[in-house]
C-alpha atoms as a PDB file:
ATOM      1  CA  LEU A   1     144.580 109.780  73.261  1.00  0.00           C
ATOM      2  CA  GLU A   2     145.813 109.598  76.986  1.00  0.00           C
ATOM      3  CA  ASN A   3     143.162 111.060  78.607  1.00  0.00           C
ATOM      4  CA  ILE A   4     140.300 109.345  76.530  1.00  0.00           C
ATOM      5  CA  ILE A   5     141.982 106.433  77.876  1.00  0.00           C
ATOM      6  CA  GLY A   6     142.099 106.933  80.842  1.00  0.00           C
ATOM      7  CA  MET A   7     138.159 107.150  81.010  1.00  0.00           C
ATOM      8  CA  LEU A   8     137.619 103.662  80.082  1.00  0.00           C
ATOM      9  CA  PRO A   9     137.275 101.345  82.655  1.00  0.00           C
ATOM     10  CA  GLY A  10     140.155  99.812  83.965  1.00  0.00           C
ATOM     11  CA  MET A  11     142.816 102.049  82.447  1.00  0.00           C
ATOM     12  CA  ASN A  12     142.814 104.424  85.299  1.00  0.00           C
ATOM     13  CA  LYS A  13     144.610 101.904  87.412  1.00  0.00           C
ATOM     14  CA  LEU A  14     147.788 102.007  84.591  1.00  0.00           C
ATOM     15  CA  PRO A  15     150.547 104.025  85.654  1.00  0.00           C
ATOM     16  CA  PRO A  16     150.940 107.227  83.777  1.00  0.00           C
ATOM     17  CA  GLY A  17     152.775 107.239  80.486  1.00  0.00           C
ATOM     18  CA  THR A  18     152.059 103.898  79.567  1.00  0.00           C
ATOM     19  CA  ASN A  19     152.250 102.862  75.979  1.00  0.00           C
ATOM     20  CA  LEU A  20     149.162 100.547  74.667  1.00  0.00           C
ATOM     21  CA  GLY A  21     150.989 100.603  70.997  1.00  0.00           C
ATOM     22  CA  MET A  22     149.353 103.418  70.174  1.00  0.00           C
ATOM     23  CA  ASP A  23     151.148 106.165  69.674  1.00  0.00           C
ATOM     24  CA  ASP A  24     149.801 109.825  68.766  1.00  0.00           C
ATOM     25  CA  LYS A  25     151.157 109.641  64.656  1.00  0.00           C
ATOM     26  CA  LEU A  26     149.360 106.589  64.082  1.00  0.00           C
ATOM     27  CA  MET A  27     146.561 107.953  65.511  1.00  0.00           C
ATOM     28  CA  LYS A  28     146.779 110.967  63.254  1.00  0.00           C
ATOM     29  CA  ARG A  29     147.038 108.864  60.234  1.00  0.00           C
ATOM     30  CA  THR A  30     144.041 106.891  61.316  1.00  0.00           C
ATOM     31  CA  GLU A  31     142.005 109.814  61.251  1.00  0.00           C
ATOM     32  CA  ALA A  32     143.449 111.428  58.188  1.00  0.00           C
ATOM     33  CA  ILE A  33     142.581 107.774  56.230  1.00  0.00           C
ATOM     34  CA  VAL A  34     139.176 108.096  57.628  1.00  0.00           C
ATOM     35  CA  LEU A  35     138.359 111.605  56.819  1.00  0.00           C
ATOM     36  CA  SER A  36     139.220 111.251  53.554  1.00  0.00           C
ATOM     37  CA  MET A  37     136.388 108.638  53.345  1.00  0.00           C
ATOM     38  CA  THR A  38     133.224 109.553  52.021  1.00  0.00           C
ATOM     39  CA  PRO A  39     130.181 109.161  54.435  1.00  0.00           C
ATOM     40  CA  ARG A  40     128.813 105.950  52.577  1.00  0.00           C
ATOM     41  CA  GLU A  41     132.268 104.639  52.769  1.00  0.00           C
ATOM     42  CA  ARG A  42     132.451 104.694  56.401  1.00  0.00           C
ATOM     43  CA  ARG A  43     128.995 103.111  57.053  1.00  0.00           C
ATOM     44  CA  ASP A  44     129.904 100.223  54.544  1.00  0.00           C
ATOM     45  CA  PRO A  45     133.244  99.653  53.951  1.00  0.00           C
ATOM     46  CA  ASP A  46     132.958  96.748  52.016  1.00  0.00           C
ATOM     47  CA  ILE A  47     132.254  98.997  48.862  1.00  0.00           C
ATOM     48  CA  ILE A  48     135.879 100.218  48.783  1.00  0.00           C
ATOM     49  CA  GLY A  49     137.734  98.726  45.952  1.00  0.00           C
ATOM     50  CA  SER A  50     140.660  99.756  43.904  1.00  0.00           C
ATOM     51  CA  SER A  51     140.160 102.601  42.570  1.00  0.00           C
ATOM     52  CA  ARG A  52     138.544 104.071  45.884  1.00  0.00           C
ATOM     53  CA  LYS A  53     141.203 102.989  48.030  1.00  0.00           C
ATOM     54  CA  LYS A  54     143.860 104.690  45.559  1.00  0.00           C
ATOM     55  CA  ARG A  55     142.315 108.025  46.154  1.00  0.00           C
ATOM     56  CA  ILE A  56     141.516 107.152  50.051  1.00  0.00           C
ATOM     57  CA  ALA A  57     145.609 107.182  50.045  1.00  0.00           C
ATOM     58  CA  ALA A  58     145.740 110.059  48.089  1.00  0.00           C
ATOM     59  CA  GLY A  59     144.076 112.243  50.021  1.00  0.00           C
ATOM     60  CA  SER A  60     145.434 111.232  53.404  1.00  0.00           C
ATOM     61  CA  GLY A  61     148.837 111.383  52.507  1.00  0.00           C
ATOM     62  CA  THR A  62     149.148 107.698  52.705  1.00  0.00           C
ATOM     63  CA  SER A  63     149.967 104.302  50.711  1.00  0.00           C
ATOM     64  CA  VAL A  64     147.148 101.933  49.359  1.00  0.00           C
ATOM     65  CA  GLN A  65     149.135  98.830  52.064  1.00  0.00           C
ATOM     66  CA  GLU A  66     148.192 101.451  54.728  1.00  0.00           C
ATOM     67  CA  VAL A  67     144.480 101.908  53.544  1.00  0.00           C
ATOM     68  CA  ASN A  68     144.257  98.037  52.904  1.00  0.00           C
ATOM     69  CA  LYS A  69     145.900  97.478  56.423  1.00  0.00           C
ATOM     70  CA  LEU A  70     143.440  99.728  58.187  1.00  0.00           C
ATOM     71  CA  LEU A  71     140.543  98.488  56.590  1.00  0.00           C
ATOM     72  CA  ASN A  72     141.539  94.627  57.319  1.00  0.00           C
ATOM     73  CA  GLN A  73     142.176  95.633  61.402  1.00  0.00           C
ATOM     74  CA  PHE A  74     138.577  97.474  60.835  1.00  0.00           C
ATOM     75  CA  ARG A  75     137.037  93.944  59.624  1.00  0.00           C
ATOM     76  CA  ASP A  76     139.037  91.802  62.377  1.00  0.00           C
ATOM     77  CA  MET A  77     137.652  94.460  65.309  1.00  0.00           C
ATOM     78  CA  LYS A  78     134.070  93.675  63.790  1.00  0.00           C
ATOM     79  CA  LYS A  79     134.731  90.107  63.683  1.00  0.00           C
ATOM     80  CA  MET A  80     135.801  89.870  67.166  1.00  0.00           C
ATOM     81  CA  MET A  81     133.137  92.161  68.338  1.00  0.00           C
ATOM     82  CA  LYS A  82     130.228  89.906  66.598  1.00  0.00           C
ATOM     83  CA  GLN A  83     131.683  86.999  68.286  1.00  0.00           C
ATOM     84  CA  LEU A  84     131.908  88.427  71.907  1.00  0.00           C
ATOM     85  CA  GLN A  85     128.879  89.640  71.296  1.00  0.00           C
ATOM     86  CA  ALA A  86     127.444  86.062  70.494  1.00  0.00           C
ATOM     87  CA  MET A  87     129.130  84.598  73.712  1.00  0.00           C
ATOM     88  CA  GLN A  88     127.609  87.024  75.568  1.00  0.00           C
ATOM     89  CA  THR A  89     124.189  86.387  74.913  1.00  0.00           C
ATOM     90  CA  GLY A  90     124.558  82.773  74.703  1.00  0.00           C
ATOM     91  CA  LYS A  91     124.377  82.061  70.535  1.00  0.00           C
ATOM     92  CA  MET A  92     127.793  81.116  70.469  1.00  0.00           C
ATOM     93  CA  LYS A  93     128.428  77.147  71.066  1.00  0.00           C
ATOM     94  CA  MET A  94     130.877  76.067  73.499  1.00  0.00           C
ATOM     95  CA  PRO A  95     133.867  74.455  71.686  1.00  0.00           C
ATOM     96  CA  ARG A  96     134.424  70.898  71.730  1.00  0.00           C
ATOM     97  CA  GLY A  97     136.306  69.240  74.579  1.00  0.00           C
ATOM     98  CA  LEU A  98     134.572  72.006  76.951  1.00  0.00           C
ATOM     99  CA  GLY A  99     130.799  70.226  76.424  1.00  0.00           C
ATOM    100  CA  MET A 100     128.524  69.092  79.206  1.00  0.00           C
ATOM    101  CA  SER A 101     128.195  65.965  77.618  1.00  0.00           C
ATOM    102  CA  LYS A 102     131.905  64.814  79.331  1.00  0.00           C
ATOM    103  CA  MET A 103     130.385  66.044  82.557  1.00  0.00           C
ATOM    104  CA  LEU A 104     127.320  64.232  82.459  1.00  0.00           C
ATOM    105  CA  ARG A 105     129.059  60.968  81.357  1.00  0.00           C
ATOM    106  CA  GLY A 106     130.806  60.572  84.284  1.00  0.00           C
ATOM    107  CA  ARG A 107     127.297  60.693  86.505  1.00  0.00           C
ATOM    108  CA  MET A 108     125.479  57.975  84.458  1.00  0.00           C
END
């Protein structure tokens, strides 16, 4: 994991052994949960209901709560990536109070 993180831009400047909140046990647990999903469930996690969560938990040796936690983290990250993409493409509006209208009022 540290080797992969070191390949990311800017991450090679971190001191060796820096813990980024990721440990090998957590990564192995996450991998087990994902590998216990069907390819369709991986593509579309919204189809995962309670019975599928139980099957995934049993197959990965984890609890349903851990499966739920991973799915929630995925949804949060997906939402964050969409927001970041919208900001980069200029589709996201500026938060109120930071817009140009205040700056323009001072000039009129």
